[in-house]
Each structure stands twice: as structure tokens, then as C-alpha cells.
Amino acid sequence: MIGLFGILKMGAESLAAQQLGTEVTGQNLANVDNPAYARQRVLLQTATTIQTPIGQQGTGVTAVSIQQVRDALLDNQIKSETSVTGSLAAQQLALQNAEAGLGEQISGTSATGQDGLSAGLSNLFSAFQALTTAPTSLAQRQVLIQTAQGLATQFNQVSSRLSDVHNALNTSIQNDVTSGNQLLGDIASLNKQIVYAEAAGGTANDLVDLRQQKLEALAKLSNITSTAQPNGSVDVSIGGVTMVSGIAQVDSLQTYDAGGGQILVRAQTAGTPLTLTSGSIEGEINVRDGALATLQTNLNSLAAQLITQVNTIHAGGFDLNGGTGQNFFTGTDAATIGVNSALVADPSKIQASGAVGAAGDNTVALALAQLANNNIAGLGNQTFSQNYSQTVAGLGQSIASLNDQVINHDTVMSMLSKQRSSVSGVSIDEEMTNLMQYQKAYQASAQLITTVNQMLETVISMKTV
């Protein structure tokens, strides 16, 4: 038998166990609004039993450890989904900026807006058509010049805005790489603290929470593979290259210029270009070299063909003074297109006539107006308007597809977060119930000690009688 003093010891250990349970419950309640926190619980175990003549007798309870309630599978799923969502969100934002750069509101696969390129192209050919009705009118020629200058300015501005989006993506890639390296260093440091804490026989639950938060933040930037080690550390690799091994950061991310301002990412120490499959860095590279590059190429082709086709016809005509050979547009693409300064200075030099000395002839002006309906070989046998509409449609489809994917992945992410919350999240009702349970157990243990104390006093008083 354990005797009265054994019972006292049992009561004291019970008090300690219930107090620890209360403390852990308080920690859970304090972190109820902390999304990175995983609830904890005290693992209680029956104390070592003793052998008595009538069998084994228990000696109370002991607290074995403070356990963290986590589901590794859910954590990995959330990391993976976070990485995909990071890529989609980066692409969505970039294409929305590109849409704004066009200066038009894209609805489905069509563009609307009075100041967009679609309206500008229409206005240019309308101005050519108006010139056919009054080929000698200086006022009509001035209107044509102003309309053409407006269109050229639109091309210039759109090109500049899209270049700004391109440059902003490069900057975002570099910023994300800097953030990623900081996170890798933080993870290695947390690994070290966790390994040392657990090697000393303790637990590092709060550090594990913080490390998980860092891992998910890193996953938002890039696809990662994390592997848990027996000593409590986590190894991290990106694109097949180990970045964190145990308590050390063995490599880091580095940006480099692959040519033409195309910023890519490699492992700094290994020098290996990284194959990124998700994360915001991958999304930024993907949209920059994909949808955005296609949009820029198509607009440059449209501007180049407009310059070539208009100049070819215009250069063969004659102005009001019999002059010929002048180009209407200058430049080679959307960034450089402009109206010939000689025509701007003197609209009479617009070559609208098909014959020298025939000032009232509108042959060339008519041919320029008819360009609006011509299928241009350099534009895939489409008219200028059709080609631009197709370009807009491509951007619109990309945005619509991304919007749908973002919604779908947000739904999946929400479901996973709810599942993890049900496993690892803090329930106020549950914790309050536990708190009352620990309180009652503590009171009962205190009452046990009081009772044994009274029994000991009785025994002592019997001895003194």
C-alpha cells in the first residue's frame, strides 16, 4: 500500500497535472485568433504502479508531454495549394494591369472604350474616308493629321504601359527572391532552435507553428519540397535543389538576366537554373513570357503592318503641290510609330491624289480608306480591326480562365483551411469545457490532500494521547 504519505504525493502530482492542463488551455485560448497556431494538449499517463499483496495499485497521474495537434497531410496539401494559388494570383494581377494598359475595358472577348486602339483605328480610316469627299480641304487634312497623331500616341502609350508591366514583373521576381531567401534563413534558424530544444528533452510546439507559417509563406513564392527529419528539423528544396539541410541554409535563390531583360531564377551556390512549377515567382515569369509577351508582339505587329500598308499606298500618291514619295507614318512598331513631321507642319503635303497635278483626285485617299476592309497577309489575312479584336480576345480569354481558376483554388483552399481548423484550430467551447474539467479535478485533488492531512492529524493525535 502506498500509505497516507503516498496519497499526499499522489494528490500533489495530480495538482501539478491539472495546473499544467489549465496553463495549456490558457495558451490555446490566448491564441484562438492566431491562424498559425495549432492547439496543444497535455498527455496524461497513469503513474508507475506498485505491487501489493492484493495486486497492483496505482500511484496517481503524471504529465508526459505537451502535444501539438497537427495533421501533416493537411499541412502539405495546404502548402501545395498555397503555391498554386500564389502563381495564379500573380498572373491574374499582371493581366489585370495589362488590361488597364490597353486603356480599354475587356468584357469577355471584346473591348469597349472610346479612347482605346479599336476606336483609334476606326477613327483613322474614317478620317481617310472623309478626305475622299474633300481631297483639297486643308481643314479635312488637319483633322486626318490629328486623328493619326492620336492613334500613334495611343500605340505609344499602350506600348509604354505594357513595358511598365513587364518591368514591374521583373521587379516583383527580384523582390520575391529576396523574400524567399529571408524565409529560407528563418527556416534554418528555426530548425536549429527546434533541434536543440527537443534534444534537451523539451518540446518546441510554438517554434514548429512559426516554422510552418514560414514554410507556407515560402510555398506562396515558389514550389517547395519539405522533408521532416527524425531530429525535428525540416529539409527544404526548390526545383530539385536543396536549400535548407538540417540547421543550415546550404543554398539560396538568385536572379539573373537570361537576355533581353528576361529575369530568371537559379540556385546561387549550385548555379543551377531552377524549374519552377508554381508560386508567385513562377506565375510572374509565366505571364511575362507568355500572355504579356504575346500581347506586346501582337500590338507591335499591328502597328508595323499599319505603318507599312499606309506608307506603301501614301508614298505613291501626290500632294496638293505635286510632291510625292513622302511616308505618312514614321517608326517601326507600337513604341515608335508617329506621324511624319513634314505632314504635321504642312497638311497640304498629304499625298491623296493618284496623279500629278490632279489636286481634286482622291484615288490614294480612297485606297487608304479601303485598307480598313483589306485582309493583310502580315496579320494572318485579317483586317486591322479583326486582328486587334483577336488580340483582345486572347487577353480576355486568359483573364477569364485565370479568374475561374482563382475561384476554384480559393474554394479548395477554403475547404482545406476549414479541415485544418477542425483538427488544429482552437475551439472556445471545447477549451472552456476542458478548463472547467481541470478546475474540478484540481479542486478534487486539493480536497484529497486536505482529507489526508486531517487523517495524519488524527494519527498524530492518537500517538500523543
Protein backbone atom coordinates (compact mmCIF):
# COMPACT_ATOMS: atom_id res chain seq x y z
CA MET A 1 0.00 0.00 0.00
CA ILE A 2 1.18 3.50 -0.72
CA GLY A 3 0.10 4.82 2.65
CA LEU A 4 -1.02 8.28 3.64
CA PHE A 5 2.20 9.96 2.51
CA GLY A 6 1.88 8.15 -0.84
CA ILE A 7 -1.61 9.57 -1.15
CA LEU A 8 -0.26 13.03 -0.40
CA LYS A 9 2.29 12.58 -3.17
CA MET A 10 -0.50 11.37 -5.47
CA GLY A 11 -2.54 14.48 -4.70
CA ALA A 12 0.41 16.79 -5.27
CA GLU A 13 1.18 15.24 -8.65
CA SER A 14 -2.47 15.46 -9.58
CA LEU A 15 -2.47 19.16 -8.67
CA ALA A 16 0.60 19.69 -10.86
CA ALA A 17 -1.01 17.81 -13.77
CA GLN A 18 -4.29 19.75 -13.56
CA GLN A 19 -2.39 23.02 -13.24
CA LEU A 20 -0.40 22.20 -16.37
CA GLY A 21 -3.61 21.34 -18.18
CA THR A 22 -5.05 24.70 -17.15
CA GLU A 23 -1.93 26.51 -18.37
CA VAL A 24 -2.03 24.78 -21.76
CA THR A 25 -5.75 25.52 -22.07
CA GLY A 26 -5.00 29.16 -21.33
CA GLN A 27 -2.34 29.13 -24.07
CA ASN A 28 -4.89 27.72 -26.51
CA LEU A 29 -7.47 30.36 -25.61
CA ALA A 30 -4.90 33.14 -25.89
CA ASN A 31 -4.13 32.04 -29.47
CA VAL A 32 -7.69 31.50 -30.60
CA ASP A 33 -7.31 34.23 -33.26
CA ASN A 34 -3.79 33.21 -34.33
CA PRO A 35 -4.14 31.46 -37.73
CA ALA A 36 -0.65 29.94 -37.48
CA TYR A 37 -1.30 28.33 -34.10
CA ALA A 38 -2.05 24.63 -33.70
CA ARG A 39 -3.83 23.77 -30.48
CA GLN A 40 -1.96 21.86 -27.80
CA ARG A 41 -2.98 19.29 -25.25
CA VAL A 42 -1.39 17.72 -22.21
CA LEU A 43 -0.77 14.00 -22.49
CA LEU A 44 -1.53 12.46 -19.10
CA GLN A 45 -0.44 8.98 -18.15
CA THR A 46 -1.02 6.72 -15.17
CA ALA A 47 1.91 6.94 -12.77
CA THR A 48 4.03 3.88 -12.09
CA THR A 49 2.06 1.24 -10.24
CA ILE A 50 3.34 -0.69 -7.21
CA GLN A 51 2.86 -4.33 -6.36
CA THR A 52 0.79 -5.08 -3.26
CA PRO A 53 -0.39 -8.36 -1.72
CA ILE A 54 -3.77 -7.87 -3.35
CA GLY A 55 -2.40 -6.79 -6.74
CA GLN A 56 -1.02 -3.73 -8.49
CA GLN A 57 -2.01 -0.38 -7.07
CA GLY A 58 -1.95 2.91 -8.94
CA THR A 59 0.02 5.90 -7.69
CA GLY A 60 -1.84 8.64 -9.49
CA VAL A 61 -1.19 10.56 -12.66
CA THR A 62 1.77 12.20 -14.34
CA ALA A 63 2.03 14.64 -17.25
CA VAL A 64 4.13 13.05 -20.00
CA SER A 65 4.28 15.79 -22.62
CA ILE A 66 2.56 18.73 -24.26
CA GLN A 67 1.44 17.54 -27.67
CA GLN A 68 0.68 19.68 -30.70
CA VAL A 69 -2.41 18.67 -32.68
CA ARG A 70 -1.35 18.73 -36.33
CA ASP A 71 -2.19 16.75 -39.46
CA ALA A 72 0.95 16.51 -41.60
CA LEU A 73 -1.07 15.53 -44.67
CA LEU A 74 -3.29 18.61 -44.39
CA ASP A 75 -0.26 20.83 -43.83
CA ASN A 76 1.36 19.50 -47.01
CA GLN A 77 -1.85 19.89 -49.00
CA ILE A 78 -2.19 23.49 -47.85
CA LYS A 79 1.43 24.21 -48.76
CA SER A 80 0.88 22.79 -52.22
CA GLU A 81 -2.38 24.67 -52.74
CA THR A 82 -0.83 27.88 -51.42
CA SER A 83 1.89 27.55 -54.06
CA VAL A 84 -0.62 27.13 -56.89
CA THR A 85 -2.75 29.99 -55.61
CA GLY A 86 0.34 32.21 -55.43
CA SER A 87 1.07 31.56 -59.09
CA LEU A 88 -2.50 32.20 -60.22
CA ALA A 89 -2.84 35.37 -58.16
CA ALA A 90 0.41 36.76 -59.63
CA GLN A 91 -0.74 36.02 -63.17
CA GLN A 92 -4.20 37.46 -62.54
CA LEU A 93 -2.79 40.71 -61.19
CA ALA A 94 -0.34 41.07 -64.10
CA LEU A 95 -3.03 40.52 -66.74
CA GLN A 96 -5.36 42.95 -65.00
CA ASN A 97 -2.55 45.51 -65.19
CA ALA A 98 -2.11 44.66 -68.88
CA GLU A 99 -5.83 45.17 -69.43
CA ALA A 100 -5.54 48.57 -67.78
CA GLY A 101 -2.54 49.26 -70.02
CA LEU A 102 -4.69 48.81 -73.12
CA GLY A 103 -6.89 51.63 -71.88
CA GLU A 104 -10.00 49.56 -72.55
CA GLN A 105 -12.44 47.54 -70.51
CA ILE A 106 -12.42 43.93 -71.70
CA SER A 107 -15.74 42.16 -71.35
CA GLY A 108 -15.43 38.51 -72.30
CA THR A 109 -13.57 38.65 -75.60
CA SER A 110 -14.39 42.20 -76.69
CA ALA A 111 -13.05 45.61 -75.75
CA THR A 112 -15.08 48.71 -75.05
CA GLY A 113 -13.90 52.26 -74.62
CA GLN A 114 -13.86 55.47 -76.62
CA ASP A 115 -10.14 56.03 -76.08
CA GLY A 116 -8.84 52.56 -76.97
CA LEU A 117 -6.96 51.35 -80.03
CA SER A 118 -10.10 49.85 -81.51
CA ALA A 119 -11.75 53.26 -81.61
CA GLY A 120 -8.48 54.86 -82.74
CA LEU A 121 -8.16 52.55 -85.76
CA SER A 122 -11.78 53.16 -86.70
CA ASN A 123 -11.31 56.91 -86.41
CA LEU A 124 -8.21 56.83 -88.63
CA PHE A 125 -9.93 55.07 -91.51
CA SER A 126 -12.99 57.28 -91.07
CA ALA A 127 -10.69 60.29 -91.44
CA PHE A 128 -9.22 58.80 -94.64
CA GLN A 129 -12.76 58.26 -95.90
CA ALA A 130 -13.73 61.84 -95.05
CA LEU A 131 -10.73 63.06 -97.04
CA THR A 132 -12.04 61.31 -100.16
CA THR A 133 -15.04 63.64 -100.17
CA ALA A 134 -12.90 66.79 -99.98
CA PRO A 135 -9.33 65.88 -101.03
CA THR A 136 -8.23 69.52 -101.34
CA SER A 137 -9.63 70.64 -97.97
CA LEU A 138 -6.86 71.74 -95.61
CA ALA A 139 -9.29 71.53 -92.71
CA GLN A 140 -10.07 67.89 -93.51
CA ARG A 141 -6.37 67.16 -93.87
CA GLN A 142 -5.72 68.75 -90.47
CA VAL A 143 -8.39 66.52 -88.94
CA LEU A 144 -6.68 63.49 -90.50
CA ILE A 145 -3.30 64.52 -89.07
CA GLN A 146 -4.75 65.00 -85.61
CA THR A 147 -6.58 61.66 -85.78
CA ALA A 148 -3.42 59.85 -86.91
CA GLN A 149 -1.38 61.53 -84.18
CA GLY A 150 -3.97 60.44 -81.63
CA LEU A 151 -3.73 56.83 -82.81
CA ALA A 152 0.08 56.94 -82.80
CA THR A 153 0.02 58.32 -79.25
CA GLN A 154 -2.32 55.52 -78.21
CA PHE A 155 0.07 52.93 -79.60
CA ASN A 156 2.98 54.65 -77.84
CA GLN A 157 1.16 54.81 -74.52
CA VAL A 158 -0.05 51.21 -74.66
CA SER A 159 3.45 50.04 -75.53
CA SER A 160 4.89 52.06 -72.65
CA ARG A 161 2.32 50.74 -70.19
CA LEU A 162 2.92 47.13 -71.21
CA SER A 163 6.66 47.70 -70.87
CA ASP A 164 5.98 49.03 -67.39
CA VAL A 165 4.05 45.85 -66.56
CA HIS A 166 6.98 43.80 -67.91
CA ASN A 167 9.47 45.75 -65.79
CA ALA A 168 7.21 45.56 -62.73
CA LEU A 169 7.11 41.77 -63.08
CA ASN A 170 10.91 41.66 -63.19
CA THR A 171 10.99 43.79 -60.04
CA SER A 172 8.44 41.52 -58.36
CA ILE A 173 10.54 38.48 -59.21
CA GLN A 174 13.59 40.09 -57.63
CA ASN A 175 11.61 41.13 -54.55
CA ASP A 176 10.13 37.64 -54.19
CA VAL A 177 13.60 36.11 -54.44
CA THR A 178 14.80 38.41 -51.65
CA SER A 179 11.80 37.43 -49.52
CA GLY A 180 12.38 33.76 -50.31
CA ASN A 181 15.99 33.93 -49.16
CA GLN A 182 14.91 35.60 -45.91
CA LEU A 183 12.38 32.82 -45.33
CA LEU A 184 14.98 30.13 -46.06
CA GLY A 185 17.27 31.70 -43.45
CA ASP A 186 14.41 31.88 -40.95
CA ILE A 187 13.52 28.22 -41.52
CA ALA A 188 17.13 27.12 -40.99
CA SER A 189 17.29 29.19 -37.79
CA LEU A 190 14.03 27.72 -36.50
CA ASN A 191 15.30 24.23 -37.35
CA LYS A 192 18.29 24.90 -35.12
CA GLN A 193 16.16 26.10 -32.21
CA ILE A 194 13.75 23.16 -32.56
CA VAL A 195 16.53 20.56 -32.75
CA TYR A 196 18.26 21.95 -29.65
CA ALA A 197 15.00 22.21 -27.70
CA GLU A 198 13.91 18.67 -28.48
CA ALA A 199 17.39 17.24 -27.95
CA ALA A 200 17.21 18.60 -24.40
CA GLY A 201 14.02 16.62 -23.87
CA GLY A 202 11.60 19.50 -24.29
CA THR A 203 9.03 20.42 -26.88
CA ALA A 204 9.11 23.27 -29.37
CA ASN A 205 5.48 23.48 -30.38
CA ASP A 206 5.37 27.25 -30.78
CA LEU A 207 8.55 27.18 -32.88
CA VAL A 208 7.02 24.45 -35.05
CA ASP A 209 3.97 26.68 -35.58
CA LEU A 210 6.20 29.55 -36.64
CA ARG A 211 8.22 27.32 -38.96
CA GLN A 212 5.05 26.02 -40.59
CA GLN A 213 3.98 29.60 -41.18
CA LYS A 214 7.35 30.34 -42.80
CA LEU A 215 7.11 27.21 -44.97
CA GLU A 216 3.68 28.23 -46.24
CA ALA A 217 4.90 31.77 -46.93
CA LEU A 218 7.81 30.29 -48.92
CA ALA A 219 5.40 27.97 -50.77
CA LYS A 220 3.41 31.03 -51.85
CA LEU A 221 6.56 32.29 -53.58
CA SER A 222 7.75 29.01 -55.09
CA ASN A 223 7.03 25.32 -55.25
CA ILE A 224 8.91 23.65 -52.40
CA THR A 225 9.53 20.14 -51.12
CA SER A 226 9.86 19.84 -47.35
CA THR A 227 11.03 16.66 -45.68
CA ALA A 228 10.77 16.13 -41.92
CA GLN A 229 13.85 14.66 -40.21
CA PRO A 230 13.93 12.49 -37.04
CA ASN A 231 15.69 15.24 -35.06
CA GLY A 232 12.79 17.63 -35.62
CA SER A 233 14.31 19.65 -38.46
CA VAL A 234 12.84 20.02 -41.94
CA ASP A 235 14.88 19.90 -45.16
CA VAL A 236 13.67 22.23 -47.92
CA SER A 237 14.37 22.00 -51.64
CA ILE A 238 13.24 24.18 -54.54
CA GLY A 239 13.24 22.93 -58.12
CA GLY A 240 15.17 19.82 -57.06
CA VAL A 241 17.96 21.82 -55.36
CA THR A 242 18.39 21.53 -51.58
CA MET A 243 18.20 24.94 -49.94
CA VAL A 244 17.95 24.02 -46.25
CA SER A 245 19.52 20.90 -44.79
CA GLY A 246 19.02 20.41 -41.09
CA ILE A 247 20.09 23.51 -39.21
CA ALA A 248 21.95 25.06 -42.15
CA GLN A 249 20.92 27.04 -45.22
CA VAL A 250 23.11 25.45 -47.88
CA ASP A 251 21.94 27.44 -50.92
CA SER A 252 19.85 30.44 -51.83
CA LEU A 253 17.85 31.89 -54.70
CA GLN A 254 19.46 34.24 -57.20
CA THR A 255 18.07 36.19 -60.15
CA TYR A 256 19.94 36.52 -63.42
CA ASP A 257 19.33 38.12 -66.79
CA ALA A 258 18.81 35.47 -69.44
CA GLY A 259 18.96 38.16 -72.14
CA GLY A 260 16.57 40.81 -73.33
CA GLY A 261 15.59 41.76 -69.81
CA GLN A 262 14.20 38.30 -69.04
CA ILE A 263 14.91 37.86 -65.33
CA LEU A 264 15.04 34.18 -64.30
CA VAL A 265 15.95 32.36 -61.09
CA ARG A 266 18.73 29.90 -60.24
CA ALA A 267 20.37 28.37 -57.20
CA GLN A 268 23.20 30.71 -56.25
CA THR A 269 25.71 28.15 -54.96
CA ALA A 270 24.86 25.31 -57.33
CA GLY A 271 24.43 27.72 -60.24
CA THR A 272 21.53 25.58 -61.46
CA PRO A 273 18.59 27.29 -63.21
CA LEU A 274 15.50 26.33 -61.25
CA THR A 275 12.47 24.75 -62.84
CA LEU A 276 9.58 26.40 -61.03
CA THR A 277 6.12 24.89 -61.38
CA SER A 278 4.08 27.09 -59.05
CA GLY A 279 4.35 30.02 -56.67
CA SER A 280 4.22 33.72 -57.40
CA ILE A 281 7.72 33.74 -58.92
CA GLU A 282 6.69 31.11 -61.47
CA GLY A 283 3.43 32.97 -62.12
CA GLU A 284 5.26 36.22 -62.77
CA ILE A 285 7.71 34.56 -65.15
CA ASN A 286 4.93 32.62 -66.87
CA VAL A 287 2.69 35.62 -67.56
CA ARG A 288 5.63 37.85 -68.53
CA ASP A 289 6.98 35.39 -71.10
CA GLY A 290 3.55 34.12 -72.11
CA ALA A 291 0.38 36.18 -72.29
CA LEU A 292 2.10 39.56 -71.84
CA ALA A 293 4.82 38.84 -74.40
CA THR A 294 2.20 37.64 -76.88
CA LEU A 295 0.16 40.80 -76.33
CA GLN A 296 3.22 43.01 -76.90
CA THR A 297 4.22 41.06 -80.02
CA ASN A 298 0.73 41.28 -81.49
CA LEU A 299 0.47 45.02 -80.89
CA ASN A 300 3.89 45.61 -82.44
CA SER A 301 2.88 43.54 -85.47
CA LEU A 302 -0.35 45.51 -85.79
CA ALA A 303 1.50 48.82 -85.64
CA ALA A 304 4.21 47.63 -88.04
CA GLN A 305 1.67 46.47 -90.62
CA LEU A 306 -0.31 49.70 -90.27
CA ILE A 307 2.88 51.68 -90.90
CA THR A 308 3.89 49.54 -93.87
CA GLN A 309 0.49 49.36 -95.56
CA VAL A 310 -0.36 53.04 -95.16
CA ASN A 311 3.14 54.18 -96.20
CA THR A 312 3.18 51.92 -99.27
CA ILE A 313 -0.01 53.48 -100.62
CA HIS A 314 0.68 57.03 -99.46
CA ALA A 315 4.23 57.20 -100.88
CA GLY A 316 2.91 56.55 -104.38
CA GLY A 317 0.46 59.47 -104.31
CA PHE A 318 0.83 63.19 -104.91
CA ASP A 319 0.21 66.17 -102.64
CA LEU A 320 -1.51 69.46 -103.49
CA ASN A 321 1.78 70.82 -104.84
CA GLY A 322 2.61 67.78 -106.97
CA GLY A 323 5.11 66.40 -104.48
CA THR A 324 5.43 62.63 -103.94
CA GLY A 325 7.46 59.94 -102.13
CA GLN A 326 6.59 61.00 -98.55
CA ASN A 327 5.74 58.39 -95.90
CA PHE A 328 2.66 59.02 -93.80
CA PHE A 329 3.90 57.25 -90.66
CA THR A 330 7.35 57.03 -89.11
CA GLY A 331 8.70 54.31 -86.81
CA THR A 332 8.61 50.53 -86.92
CA ASP A 333 6.40 49.33 -84.07
CA ALA A 334 3.94 50.37 -81.38
CA ALA A 335 6.62 52.10 -79.33
CA THR A 336 7.99 54.22 -82.19
CA ILE A 337 5.05 54.85 -84.50
CA GLY A 338 4.45 58.53 -85.26
CA VAL A 339 3.16 60.84 -88.00
CA ASN A 340 5.65 62.29 -90.49
CA SER A 341 6.65 65.69 -89.09
CA ALA A 342 6.64 67.20 -92.61
CA LEU A 343 2.94 66.39 -92.93
CA VAL A 344 2.23 67.70 -89.44
CA ALA A 345 3.91 71.00 -90.35
CA ASP A 346 2.14 71.24 -93.71
CA PRO A 347 -1.02 69.12 -94.22
CA SER A 348 -1.02 70.09 -97.91
CA LYS A 349 1.77 67.53 -98.31
CA ILE A 350 -0.62 64.65 -97.63
CA GLN A 351 -0.49 62.67 -100.87
CA ALA A 352 -4.16 61.94 -101.50
CA SER A 353 -4.09 62.19 -105.32
CA GLY A 354 -3.20 59.42 -107.72
CA ALA A 355 -1.84 61.70 -110.42
CA VAL A 356 0.44 64.70 -110.50
CA GLY A 357 -1.38 68.00 -110.98
CA ALA A 358 -4.76 66.43 -110.19
CA ALA A 359 -5.38 68.07 -106.85
CA GLY A 360 -9.04 67.06 -106.74
CA ASP A 361 -8.28 63.40 -107.37
CA ASN A 362 -8.99 61.16 -104.39
CA THR A 363 -7.60 57.85 -105.66
CA VAL A 364 -4.93 57.45 -102.97
CA ALA A 365 -7.18 58.69 -100.19
CA LEU A 366 -9.79 56.15 -101.27
CA ALA A 367 -7.21 53.36 -101.29
CA LEU A 368 -6.12 54.35 -97.79
CA ALA A 369 -9.74 54.34 -96.59
CA GLN A 370 -10.30 50.90 -98.13
CA LEU A 371 -7.38 49.49 -96.11
CA ALA A 372 -9.86 49.20 -93.26
CA ASN A 373 -11.53 46.27 -95.04
CA ASN A 374 -8.45 44.68 -96.61
CA ASN A 375 -7.16 41.33 -95.36
CA ILE A 376 -3.48 41.86 -94.52
CA ALA A 377 -1.16 38.91 -95.11
CA GLY A 378 1.16 40.03 -92.31
CA LEU A 379 -1.77 39.85 -89.91
CA GLY A 380 -2.87 36.35 -90.79
CA ASN A 381 -5.15 37.55 -93.60
CA GLN A 382 -7.22 39.59 -91.15
CA THR A 383 -8.22 43.23 -91.26
CA PHE A 384 -6.64 45.61 -88.76
CA SER A 385 -9.78 45.61 -86.64
CA GLN A 386 -10.15 41.83 -86.77
CA ASN A 387 -6.53 41.36 -85.74
CA TYR A 388 -6.84 43.73 -82.81
CA SER A 389 -10.10 42.08 -81.78
CA GLN A 390 -8.36 38.71 -81.81
CA THR A 391 -5.56 40.12 -79.66
CA VAL A 392 -8.11 41.49 -77.20
CA ALA A 393 -9.99 38.19 -77.27
CA GLY A 394 -6.80 36.30 -76.39
CA LEU A 395 -6.19 38.56 -73.40
CA GLY A 396 -9.83 38.36 -72.38
CA GLN A 397 -9.80 34.56 -72.51
CA SER A 398 -6.61 34.45 -70.44
CA ILE A 399 -8.12 36.73 -67.79
CA ALA A 400 -11.40 34.81 -67.74
CA SER A 401 -9.57 31.48 -67.42
CA LEU A 402 -7.43 32.79 -64.57
CA ASN A 403 -10.44 34.24 -62.80
CA ASP A 404 -12.14 30.83 -62.94
CA GLN A 405 -9.01 29.05 -61.72
CA VAL A 406 -8.54 31.51 -58.86
CA ILE A 407 -12.15 30.98 -57.75
CA ASN A 408 -11.75 27.20 -57.91
CA HIS A 409 -8.49 27.17 -55.97
CA ASP A 410 -9.84 29.65 -53.43
CA THR A 411 -12.69 27.20 -52.83
CA VAL A 412 -10.27 24.31 -52.38
CA MET A 413 -8.07 26.42 -50.11
CA SER A 414 -11.07 27.39 -48.02
CA MET A 415 -12.08 23.74 -47.64
CA LEU A 416 -8.56 22.70 -46.63
CA SER A 417 -8.31 25.57 -44.15
CA LYS A 418 -11.61 24.57 -42.58
CA GLN A 419 -10.45 20.96 -42.34
CA ARG A 420 -7.22 22.01 -40.67
CA SER A 421 -9.10 24.34 -38.36
CA SER A 422 -11.33 21.46 -37.29
CA VAL A 423 -8.23 19.43 -36.44
CA SER A 424 -5.71 22.01 -35.23
CA GLY A 425 -7.79 25.09 -34.58
CA VAL A 426 -8.82 26.27 -31.15
CA SER A 427 -12.48 25.75 -30.20
CA ILE A 428 -13.52 28.14 -27.46
CA ASP A 429 -16.35 25.83 -26.37
CA GLU A 430 -14.02 22.83 -26.14
CA GLU A 431 -11.34 24.75 -24.27
CA MET A 432 -13.83 26.20 -21.81
CA THR A 433 -15.11 22.69 -21.14
CA ASN A 434 -11.54 21.49 -20.59
CA LEU A 435 -10.91 24.46 -18.30
CA MET A 436 -13.87 23.54 -16.11
CA GLN A 437 -12.76 19.91 -16.09
CA TYR A 438 -9.23 20.83 -14.97
CA GLN A 439 -10.70 23.20 -12.37
CA LYS A 440 -12.91 20.50 -10.87
CA ALA A 441 -10.08 17.96 -10.93
CA TYR A 442 -7.78 20.48 -9.24
CA GLN A 443 -10.39 21.14 -6.53
CA ALA A 444 -10.86 17.41 -6.01
CA SER A 445 -7.10 16.86 -5.74
CA ALA A 446 -6.87 19.71 -3.22
CA GLN A 447 -9.72 18.13 -1.26
CA LEU A 448 -7.83 14.81 -1.30
CA ILE A 449 -4.77 16.49 0.21
CA THR A 450 -6.97 18.19 2.84
CA THR A 451 -8.54 14.86 3.75
CA VAL A 452 -5.19 13.08 4.05
CA ASN A 453 -3.89 15.97 6.15
CA GLN A 454 -6.82 15.52 8.54
CA MET A 455 -6.17 11.79 8.69
CA LEU A 456 -2.49 12.43 9.50
CA GLU A 457 -3.50 14.85 12.25
CA THR A 458 -5.77 12.15 13.67
CA VAL A 459 -2.97 9.61 13.63
CA ILE A 460 -0.56 12.07 15.27
CA SER A 461 -3.09 12.99 17.94
CA MET A 462 -3.62 9.29 18.72
CA LYS A 463 0.13 8.93 19.27
CA THR A 464 0.26 11.82 21.71
CA VAL A 465 -2.67 10.66 23.85
